[in-house]
Protein backbone atom coordinates (compact mmCIF):
# COMPACT_ATOMS: atom_id res chain seq x y z
CA MET A 1 15.40 -33.96 -16.97
CA ASN A 2 14.83 -33.52 -20.70
CA GLU A 3 14.93 -30.19 -22.54
CA SER A 4 11.23 -29.78 -22.71
CA THR A 5 11.03 -29.19 -19.01
CA ASN A 6 13.86 -26.61 -18.93
CA LYS A 7 11.89 -23.52 -19.52
CA VAL A 8 9.97 -21.13 -17.40
CA LEU A 9 6.29 -22.33 -17.93
CA PRO A 10 6.13 -26.22 -18.60
CA SER A 11 2.83 -27.17 -20.11
CA LEU A 12 0.16 -28.55 -18.17
CA PRO A 13 -0.19 -31.50 -17.29
CA GLY A 14 3.23 -32.32 -16.60
CA SER A 15 5.95 -31.08 -14.46
CA ALA A 16 3.32 -28.08 -13.29
CA ALA A 17 1.07 -30.79 -11.76
CA LYS A 18 4.07 -32.10 -9.92
CA VAL A 19 4.43 -28.87 -8.45
CA SER A 20 1.21 -28.68 -6.76
CA SER A 21 1.39 -32.01 -5.57
CA THR A 22 5.03 -32.30 -4.52
CA ALA A 23 6.68 -29.17 -4.20
CA PHE A 24 4.58 -27.10 -1.80
CA PRO A 25 1.56 -27.76 0.45
CA ALA A 26 -1.72 -28.09 -1.26
CA THR A 27 -3.01 -24.83 0.24
CA SER A 28 -0.10 -22.78 -1.56
CA LEU A 29 -1.05 -23.66 -5.11
CA ARG A 30 -4.62 -25.10 -5.05
CA ALA A 31 -7.23 -23.34 -7.41
CA PRO A 32 -8.65 -20.17 -6.43
CA ALA A 33 -11.75 -20.43 -4.43
CA ALA A 34 -15.06 -19.20 -5.88
CA VAL A 35 -15.84 -15.48 -4.89
CA SER A 36 -18.78 -15.77 -2.43
CA LEU A 37 -22.01 -13.77 -2.65
CA ALA A 38 -21.22 -11.41 0.05
CA SER A 39 -17.76 -10.63 -1.64
CA ARG A 40 -19.19 -10.04 -4.74
CA LEU A 41 -22.06 -7.81 -3.14
CA LEU A 42 -19.00 -5.99 -1.51
CA MET A 43 -17.19 -5.16 -4.47
CA VAL A 44 -20.21 -3.87 -6.30
CA THR A 45 -20.88 -1.65 -3.49
CA VAL A 46 -17.56 -0.35 -3.55
CA LEU A 47 -17.84 0.11 -7.19
CA LEU A 48 -21.03 2.31 -7.13
CA LEU A 49 -19.57 4.30 -4.36
CA LEU A 50 -16.55 4.98 -6.30
CA LEU A 51 -18.70 5.91 -9.34
CA ILE A 52 -20.81 8.43 -7.55
CA ALA A 53 -17.97 9.86 -5.37
CA PRO A 54 -17.28 12.88 -7.53
CA PHE A 55 -20.88 14.06 -7.29
CA VAL A 56 -21.32 13.84 -3.51
CA LEU A 57 -17.65 14.90 -2.24
CA PRO A 58 -16.07 18.39 -2.10
CA GLN A 59 -13.30 19.14 -4.53
CA ALA A 60 -10.88 18.68 -1.94
CA LEU A 61 -12.08 15.06 -1.09
CA VAL A 62 -12.24 14.32 -4.86
CA ASN A 63 -8.59 15.28 -5.18
CA ALA A 64 -7.90 12.97 -1.91
CA ALA A 65 -9.61 10.15 -3.52
CA ILE A 66 -7.59 10.31 -6.55
CA GLN A 67 -4.52 10.29 -4.42
CA MET A 68 -6.07 7.06 -2.65
CA LEU A 69 -6.87 5.06 -6.05
CA ILE A 70 -3.24 5.66 -7.26
CA ALA A 71 -1.88 4.80 -3.76
CA ALA A 72 -4.19 1.45 -3.99
CA LEU A 73 -2.91 0.40 -7.45
CA PHE A 74 0.74 1.30 -6.31
CA ALA A 75 0.29 -1.19 -3.23
CA THR A 76 -1.18 -3.86 -5.34
CA ALA A 77 1.59 -3.76 -7.91
CA PHE A 78 4.12 -3.89 -5.03
CA ASN A 79 2.07 -6.67 -3.60
CA VAL A 80 2.58 -9.05 -6.80
CA LEU A 81 6.28 -8.77 -6.21
CA ALA A 82 6.42 -8.95 -2.26
CA GLY A 83 3.13 -10.57 -1.22
CA GLN A 84 2.78 -13.19 -3.97
CA GLY A 85 6.39 -13.96 -5.16
CA GLY A 86 7.98 -13.32 -1.77
CA MET A 87 10.52 -10.74 -3.20
CA LEU A 88 10.46 -7.66 -0.55
CA SER A 89 11.64 -4.74 -2.53
CA PHE A 90 12.72 -1.41 -0.71
CA GLY A 91 13.18 0.52 -3.85
CA HIS A 92 9.74 0.39 -5.65
CA ALA A 93 9.38 4.22 -6.14
CA ALA A 94 12.19 3.96 -8.81
CA TYR A 95 9.48 2.43 -10.98
CA PHE A 96 6.79 4.61 -10.04
CA GLY A 97 8.85 7.61 -10.55
CA ILE A 98 10.00 6.29 -13.98
CA GLY A 99 6.57 5.82 -14.91
CA ALA A 100 5.73 9.59 -13.68
CA PHE A 101 8.52 10.97 -15.68
CA ALA A 102 7.91 8.86 -18.87
CA THR A 103 4.12 9.90 -18.95
CA LEU A 104 5.27 13.54 -18.60
CA HIS A 105 7.45 13.50 -21.37
CA ALA A 106 4.65 11.48 -23.39
CA ILE A 107 2.51 14.42 -23.03
CA ASN A 108 4.96 16.92 -23.80
CA ALA A 109 5.99 15.21 -26.77
CA LEU A 110 2.66 14.11 -28.32
CA GLY A 111 0.26 17.02 -26.94
CA GLY A 112 -2.43 14.31 -26.21
CA ALA A 113 -3.42 13.94 -29.77
CA GLY A 114 -3.32 11.53 -32.74
CA LEU A 115 -3.21 7.81 -31.91
CA LEU A 116 -2.48 8.34 -28.22
CA PRO A 117 -4.43 10.81 -26.88
CA THR A 118 -4.56 12.14 -23.31
CA PRO A 119 -6.39 9.37 -21.59
CA LEU A 120 -3.90 6.60 -23.02
CA LEU A 121 -0.67 8.14 -22.17
CA PRO A 122 -0.13 6.43 -18.60
CA ILE A 123 0.73 3.69 -20.95
CA PHE A 124 3.93 5.06 -21.40
CA GLY A 125 4.34 4.93 -17.65
CA ALA A 126 3.88 1.06 -17.88
CA LEU A 127 6.45 0.88 -20.81
CA GLY A 128 8.80 3.01 -18.57
CA GLY A 129 8.35 1.08 -15.31
CA CYS A 130 8.70 -2.34 -17.64
CA LEU A 131 11.85 -1.30 -18.97
CA LEU A 132 13.68 -0.39 -15.73
CA GLY A 133 12.02 -3.53 -14.17
CA LEU A 134 13.69 -5.55 -16.58
CA VAL A 135 17.09 -4.26 -16.23
CA ALA A 136 17.01 -3.67 -12.43
CA GLY A 137 14.99 -7.04 -12.08
CA TRP A 138 17.73 -8.89 -13.84
CA PHE A 139 20.45 -7.82 -11.51
CA SER A 140 18.36 -8.02 -8.30
CA THR A 141 16.79 -11.21 -8.87
CA GLN A 142 20.21 -12.94 -9.00
CA ARG A 143 19.96 -13.06 -5.07
CA SER A 144 16.94 -13.51 -2.67
CA GLY A 145 15.97 -12.73 0.63
CA VAL A 146 17.71 -9.63 2.37
CA TYR A 147 20.39 -9.42 -0.20
CA PHE A 148 17.55 -8.83 -2.95
CA SER A 149 15.88 -6.15 -0.75
CA MET A 150 19.43 -4.57 -0.22
CA ILE A 151 20.15 -4.52 -3.99
CA THR A 152 16.65 -2.87 -4.87
CA LEU A 153 17.09 -0.37 -2.27
CA ALA A 154 20.65 0.35 -3.71
CA LEU A 155 19.67 0.81 -7.29
CA ALA A 156 16.64 2.97 -6.40
CA GLU A 157 18.83 5.30 -4.25
CA LEU A 158 21.58 5.35 -7.28
CA LEU A 159 18.72 6.58 -9.49
CA HIS A 160 17.59 9.10 -6.83
CA ALA A 161 21.29 10.46 -6.56
CA LEU A 162 21.67 10.52 -10.32
CA ALA A 163 18.08 12.28 -11.26
CA PRO A 164 19.24 16.00 -10.12
CA HIS A 165 22.08 15.76 -12.46
CA LEU A 166 20.25 14.30 -15.49
CA THR A 167 18.32 17.78 -15.98
CA SER A 168 17.55 16.84 -19.58
CA VAL A 169 15.81 13.76 -18.38
CA PHE A 170 14.36 14.79 -14.83
CA GLY A 171 14.44 18.61 -15.25
CA GLY A 172 16.77 19.06 -12.17
CA GLU A 173 15.48 20.93 -8.94
CA ALA A 174 12.61 22.23 -10.85
CA GLY A 175 11.57 18.90 -12.48
CA VAL A 176 9.19 18.33 -15.50
CA SER A 177 5.88 19.81 -16.02
CA SER A 178 3.21 19.55 -18.17
CA MET A 179 -0.45 20.12 -19.45
CA ARG A 180 -3.14 18.01 -19.85
CA MET A 181 -5.02 18.34 -23.31
CA PRO A 182 -8.24 17.98 -24.21
CA ALA A 183 -9.42 14.61 -25.87
CA TRP A 184 -12.85 12.53 -26.41
CA GLY A 185 -14.96 15.61 -25.76
CA LEU A 186 -13.33 16.07 -21.98
CA SER A 187 -10.97 18.95 -21.09
CA PHE A 188 -9.59 17.19 -18.42
CA GLY A 189 -9.28 20.60 -16.60
CA GLU A 190 -11.74 19.54 -13.83
CA PRO A 191 -11.00 17.23 -10.86
CA MET A 192 -14.02 14.99 -11.60
CA HIS A 193 -12.62 14.26 -15.29
CA VAL A 194 -9.08 13.44 -13.73
CA TYR A 195 -11.15 11.38 -11.08
CA TYR A 196 -12.89 9.34 -13.81
CA LEU A 197 -9.57 8.99 -15.85
CA THR A 198 -7.95 7.75 -12.97
CA LEU A 199 -10.61 5.37 -11.71
CA ALA A 200 -11.08 3.66 -15.03
CA TRP A 201 -6.92 3.19 -15.03
CA VAL A 202 -6.93 1.73 -11.72
CA LEU A 203 -9.95 -0.58 -12.13
CA ALA A 204 -8.45 -2.00 -15.45
CA SER A 205 -4.87 -2.39 -13.88
CA LEU A 206 -6.18 -4.23 -10.88
CA GLY A 207 -8.33 -6.43 -13.03
CA ALA A 208 -5.32 -7.14 -15.26
CA LEU A 209 -3.46 -8.05 -11.74
CA PHE A 210 -6.22 -10.07 -10.65
CA PHE A 211 -6.38 -12.02 -13.87
CA PHE A 212 -2.47 -12.51 -13.58
CA THR A 213 -2.92 -14.30 -10.32
CA ARG A 214 -5.04 -16.98 -12.17
CA THR A 215 -2.49 -17.75 -14.83
CA PRO A 216 0.04 -20.16 -14.94
CA LEU A 217 2.77 -17.71 -14.24
CA GLY A 218 0.65 -16.21 -11.54
CA ARG A 219 0.53 -19.55 -9.83
CA LEU A 220 3.98 -20.11 -10.15
CA THR A 221 4.73 -16.89 -8.38
CA LEU A 222 3.48 -18.29 -5.12
CA GLY A 223 5.89 -21.21 -5.82
CA LEU A 224 8.81 -18.77 -6.05
CA ARG A 225 7.70 -17.35 -2.61
CA GLU A 226 7.23 -21.14 -1.03
CA ASN A 227 10.32 -22.86 -2.44
CA ALA A 228 12.24 -21.60 -5.19
CA MET A 229 14.86 -24.53 -4.91
CA ARG A 230 12.43 -27.04 -5.36
CA LEU A 231 10.93 -25.21 -8.67
CA LYS A 232 14.70 -25.30 -10.06
CA PHE A 233 14.69 -28.70 -9.31
CA LEU A 234 11.64 -29.35 -11.22
CA GLY A 235 13.13 -27.84 -14.20
CA TYR A 236 11.79 -24.26 -13.94
CA ASP A 237 13.99 -21.26 -15.05
CA VAL A 238 13.51 -19.67 -11.58
CA HIS A 239 15.64 -16.34 -12.58
CA ALA A 240 13.54 -16.02 -15.82
CA ALA A 241 10.20 -16.43 -13.80
CA ARG A 242 11.52 -13.84 -11.12
CA VAL A 243 12.47 -11.28 -13.60
CA MET A 244 8.99 -11.54 -15.37
CA VAL A 245 7.15 -10.99 -12.19
CA PHE A 246 9.55 -8.10 -11.43
CA MET A 247 8.69 -6.57 -14.75
CA ILE A 248 4.84 -6.90 -14.34
CA SER A 249 5.26 -5.40 -10.89
CA ALA A 250 7.25 -2.58 -11.84
CA SER A 251 4.96 -2.05 -15.07
CA PHE A 252 1.82 -1.50 -13.04
CA ALA A 253 3.87 0.87 -10.36
CA GLY A 254 4.85 2.91 -13.38
CA VAL A 255 1.17 3.06 -14.30
CA ALA A 256 0.40 4.28 -10.86
CA GLY A 257 3.15 6.86 -11.42
CA GLY A 258 1.95 7.87 -14.87
CA LEU A 259 -1.48 8.78 -13.26
CA LEU A 260 0.03 10.87 -10.54
CA ALA A 261 1.70 12.63 -13.37
CA MET A 262 -1.55 13.20 -15.17
CA ASN A 263 -3.04 14.45 -11.81
CA ASN A 264 -0.25 16.59 -10.95
CA GLU A 265 0.98 17.84 -14.43
CA ALA A 266 4.59 18.01 -12.71
CA GLY A 267 7.30 15.89 -11.26
CA ASN A 268 10.79 16.23 -9.96
CA TYR A 269 13.29 13.80 -8.57
CA VAL A 270 11.51 13.69 -4.98
CA LEU A 271 9.28 10.65 -6.65
CA PHE A 272 12.44 8.59 -6.42
CA ASP A 273 12.92 9.14 -2.58
CA VAL A 274 13.13 6.19 -0.05
CA ARG A 275 10.10 7.56 1.69
CA LEU A 276 7.84 6.79 -0.93
CA SER A 277 9.35 3.19 -1.10
CA SER A 278 8.84 2.73 2.72
CA GLU A 279 5.24 4.06 2.34
CA VAL A 280 4.23 1.37 -0.15
CA VAL A 281 5.66 -1.27 2.20
CA LEU A 282 3.91 -0.12 5.07
CA ASN A 283 0.59 0.45 3.09
CA ALA A 284 0.72 -3.15 1.74
CA TYR A 285 1.39 -4.83 5.27
CA ILE A 286 -1.16 -2.69 7.12
CA GLY A 287 -3.78 -3.77 4.53
CA GLY A 288 -2.60 -7.34 4.47
CA THR A 289 -0.26 -9.01 1.75
CA GLY A 290 -2.26 -12.64 1.92
CA VAL A 291 -5.37 -11.13 0.13
CA PHE A 292 -5.23 -9.42 -3.18
CA PHE A 293 -7.05 -6.20 -2.27
CA GLY A 294 -5.44 -6.00 1.22
CA PRO A 295 -2.85 -3.86 0.05
CA ALA A 296 -5.46 -1.43 -1.83
CA LEU A 297 -7.38 -1.07 1.29
CA GLY A 298 -4.37 -0.48 3.38
CA ALA A 299 -2.96 2.23 0.83
CA ALA A 300 -6.46 3.74 0.75
CA VAL A 301 -6.95 4.02 4.65
CA MET A 302 -3.36 5.05 5.21
CA THR A 303 -3.45 7.89 2.13
CA PHE A 304 -6.72 9.17 3.93
CA PHE A 305 -5.21 9.12 7.22
CA GLY A 306 -2.49 11.01 5.94
CA TYR A 307 -4.93 13.71 4.34
CA ALA A 308 -6.98 14.13 7.45
CA VAL A 309 -4.23 14.13 10.24
CA SER A 310 -1.63 15.88 8.67
CA ASP A 311 -3.39 19.24 8.78
CA LEU A 312 -4.19 18.53 12.56
CA THR A 313 -0.82 17.78 13.89
CA ARG A 314 2.85 17.64 13.06
CA SER A 315 3.15 14.12 14.53
CA TRP A 316 1.13 12.14 12.09
CA LEU A 317 4.08 10.37 10.86
CA LEU A 318 4.67 9.19 14.29
CA TYR A 319 0.87 7.93 14.54
CA GLN A 320 1.62 6.23 11.12
CA GLY A 321 4.41 4.20 12.42
CA LEU A 322 2.75 3.37 15.41
CA ILE A 323 -0.23 2.18 13.47
CA PHE A 324 2.21 0.13 11.55
CA VAL A 325 3.57 -1.57 14.75
CA VAL A 326 0.44 -2.34 16.34
CA VAL A 327 -1.00 -3.94 13.18
CA MET A 328 2.18 -6.08 12.66
CA MET A 329 1.99 -7.15 16.53
CA PHE A 330 -1.72 -7.75 16.94
CA MET A 331 -3.21 -8.27 13.32
CA PRO A 332 -0.24 -9.59 11.31
CA ASN A 333 -2.75 -10.43 8.60
CA GLY A 334 -3.59 -6.58 8.20
CA LEU A 335 -6.92 -5.16 7.70
CA SER A 336 -7.97 -7.52 5.36
CA GLY A 337 -7.43 -10.35 7.80
CA VAL A 338 -10.35 -8.73 10.12
CA VAL A 339 -12.60 -8.81 7.09
CA LEU A 340 -11.75 -12.42 6.45
CA TRP A 341 -12.10 -13.47 10.18
CA TRP A 342 -15.55 -11.93 10.07
CA GLN A 343 -16.62 -13.84 6.73
CA ARG A 344 -15.08 -17.44 7.69
CA SER A 345 -16.00 -17.14 11.48
CA GLN A 346 -18.78 -19.97 12.20
CA ARG A 347 -20.45 -17.73 14.80
CA SER A 348 -23.28 -15.31 14.41
CA SER A 349 -22.90 -11.79 13.23
CA ALA A 350 -24.34 -10.84 16.48
CA VAL A 351 -21.68 -12.27 18.59
CA LEU A 352 -18.75 -11.14 16.30
CA ALA A 353 -20.08 -7.63 16.73
CA ARG A 354 -20.01 -7.82 20.39
CA TYR A 355 -16.28 -9.02 20.78
CA ALA A 356 -15.27 -6.56 17.99
CA ALA A 357 -17.12 -3.65 19.83
CA GLY A 358 -15.17 -4.49 22.95
CA TRP A 359 -11.79 -4.89 21.25
CA SER A 360 -12.49 -1.51 19.41
CA LEU A 361 -13.71 0.23 22.76
CA GLY A 362 -10.39 -0.89 24.54
CA ALA A 363 -8.27 0.26 21.55
CA LEU A 364 -9.97 3.65 21.40
CA ALA A 365 -9.04 4.08 25.04
CA CYS A 366 -5.45 3.06 24.54
CA ALA A 367 -5.22 5.45 21.32
CA ALA A 368 -6.82 8.27 23.10
CA ALA A 369 -4.10 7.96 25.75
CA VAL A 370 -1.36 8.08 23.46
CA VAL A 371 -2.65 10.98 21.44
CA PHE A 372 -2.88 12.92 24.65
CA SER A 373 0.59 12.14 25.70
CA VAL A 374 2.16 12.73 22.39
CA GLU A 375 0.30 16.18 21.66
CA LEU A 376 0.83 17.55 25.13
CA LEU A 377 4.30 16.31 25.08
CA GLN A 378 4.92 17.95 21.63
CA ARG A 379 3.84 21.27 22.68
CA ALA A 380 5.56 21.41 25.81
CA LEU A 381 8.77 20.65 24.54
CA GLY A 382 8.40 23.02 21.55
CA SER A 383 10.45 25.97 21.14
CA ASP A 384 7.54 28.36 21.47
CA TYR A 385 6.29 27.15 24.94
CA GLN A 386 9.84 26.63 26.12
CA SER A 387 10.60 30.40 25.34
CA GLN A 388 7.77 31.41 27.99
CA LEU A 389 9.43 29.47 30.88
CA VAL A 390 10.56 31.59 33.64
CA ASP A 391 12.97 29.90 36.41
CA ALA A 392 11.47 29.23 39.75
CA GLN A 393 7.88 29.92 37.95
CA PRO A 394 5.61 27.01 37.43
CA TRP A 395 4.99 25.96 33.96
CA PRO A 396 2.14 27.78 32.20
CA ALA A 397 -0.97 25.77 31.02
CA ILE A 398 -1.20 24.10 27.38
CA ALA A 399 -4.55 24.71 25.65
CA LEU A 400 -5.16 21.06 24.06
CA PHE A 401 -8.74 19.97 23.09
CA GLY A 402 -10.59 22.42 24.41
CA ARG A 403 -9.11 22.84 27.98
CA ASP A 404 -5.86 24.11 29.52
CA TRP A 405 -3.63 21.53 31.15
CA LEU A 406 -0.71 22.13 33.69
CA PRO A 407 2.27 20.11 32.33
CA GLY A 408 3.52 20.17 35.88
CA ALA A 409 0.48 18.69 37.58
CA VAL A 410 -0.15 14.94 38.60
CA SER A 411 -3.47 15.19 37.49
CA THR A 412 -2.73 16.08 33.88
CA TRP A 413 -0.58 12.77 33.39
CA LEU A 414 -3.17 10.67 35.44
CA LEU A 415 -5.78 11.12 32.85
CA PRO A 416 -3.67 9.32 29.89
CA LEU A 417 -2.57 6.64 32.46
CA LEU A 418 -6.20 5.74 33.42
CA LEU A 419 -7.09 5.47 29.78
CA LEU A 420 -4.20 3.28 29.25
CA VAL A 421 -5.08 1.11 31.91
CA ALA A 422 -8.61 1.04 31.29
CA GLY A 423 -8.03 0.10 27.62
CA GLY A 424 -5.76 -2.58 28.66
CA LEU A 425 -8.14 -3.97 30.86
CA ILE A 426 -10.85 -4.10 28.48
CA LEU A 427 -8.56 -5.70 25.91
CA ASN A 428 -7.30 -8.34 28.25
CA ARG A 429 -11.02 -9.22 29.33
CA VAL A 430 -12.52 -9.45 26.02
CA THR A 431 -9.69 -11.46 24.78
CA ARG A 432 -9.95 -13.87 27.77
CA ALA A 433 -13.70 -14.10 27.12
CA TRP A 434 -13.15 -15.02 23.32
CA ASP A 435 -10.51 -17.70 24.19
CA ALA A 436 -12.76 -19.36 26.81
CA LEU A 437 -15.70 -19.40 24.00
CA ASN A 438 -13.31 -21.05 21.72
CA GLU A 439 -12.09 -23.45 24.29
CA GLU A 440 -15.67 -24.19 25.37
CA GLU A 441 -16.89 -24.82 21.69
CA ALA A 442 -13.68 -27.04 21.07
CA ALA A 443 -14.39 -29.33 24.29
C-alpha cells in the first residue's frame, strides 16, 4: 500500500470508497437519510418550547432546565466517543470537570471584558477538555474494549485523587469561585439570562456535533466502531483517528463543564467524581446511543427525574438504577428507540397507540408495586421506626400515600403482589397480541 493512503483521512474517492463497500455492512456507513417532515416539525416544536420556557416556568424549573441542557450536551459529547466510535469511557467526568475549572479561572482572570466577554468564556472549557483529551486519549486509545474503559477510569480517578492537593488549580476543599460579569447589555445575574446563554451554547454545540457526524471523519468514526482492524488494513491511521475523536468528545464535554461553571459560579474537585462519569453512561444508554439526539433525551429525562423525585424520597437513586436495568432489558435501543419504532412502523397511529397504552398500563402497575414495597420497607427498616418497636408488641402503623399501613399484616403486602401480578399479566397479554398481529401479517 503506497504512502498516499497511509494517513488518517484518505481522499475520496479511493480507499474511503473501499471502506464503505468492503470493510463494513452497507448499513453502517451509508449516507445519512434525509430528515422526515415529522422529525423536522418535532425539532421545531422542541426549539420553540425551549425558547419560551423561561417565560412560563417558575424560577426553580428554569434552574432545572439549565441543568437538563448541560446534561444533554454532556451526554451527546460522550456518545460521539461511546455510541459512534465504540469506545466506552468510564472517566468522562475528567473532561467535564477540567472544562469547568478552565472556565472559572478564565472568568477570574479576564473579568468578562475585552475580546472575550462573559458569553464567550465557555470556549476555555472546550480548550481545557481538548488538551486533556489529547493527553488522555493518546494513552487510552492504545488499547480497545474493556482495557480502554479501564484506562479512562484509571486516568479520571488519578485526577480525582490529585485534585484536592493541587490547591492552586482546583482550590482544595473550598474549590474555586467566580462571578459572572455583565456583557452585551445583559447583567447575567438573572436565571433567564443564564438560561439563554446555556441554550445558545448547547444548540451551537449540538449543531457542531451533528455536522461532525456528516464529515468524512465522522463517518470514519463508525468504522472505528465496526471494524478497526479492517480500517488499519486499508491504510488508515486508526490510533490518530481515535485520538481525534477522543479530543472532539472531550472538547464538548469541557463546554458542558464550562456552562455548569457559568451557572454555579463555583466548582470543586467533586466534579471529577466517578459518580458523574457513571451518570453520563446511564443517561446516554437510557436515551439510546443509536440515535444522535437519543443521549440528549435520556439526559434531560433523567435529570428532571432526579430533580422531581429526589425531594420526595431518599431512594431515588435506587429507582434510577432500576430504570436503567428495565430499559436495557426491554428497550435496548433506549427511549429514542420507541420514537423510531413509532415513526417507522407501517401500522396506523391508532393501532400503535392502543398497544402502547396497554404496555404503559402494565408497566405502571408493576412500577406502583415496586415503589410501594420500596417506600414501605425503607420506613420500616429505618432507625426512627425501629426505635418505636417494643418486644412482644405488634409493629405500629406506617403512614404512606395518605393511609396507615401495618407492616406485619398480610393484607399490606398483598396489595403490591396483586399489582405486580396484574401488571405482568397485562404486559404478557399485550405482547402476545402484538406478536400474533405480526405473525398474521407475515403469513
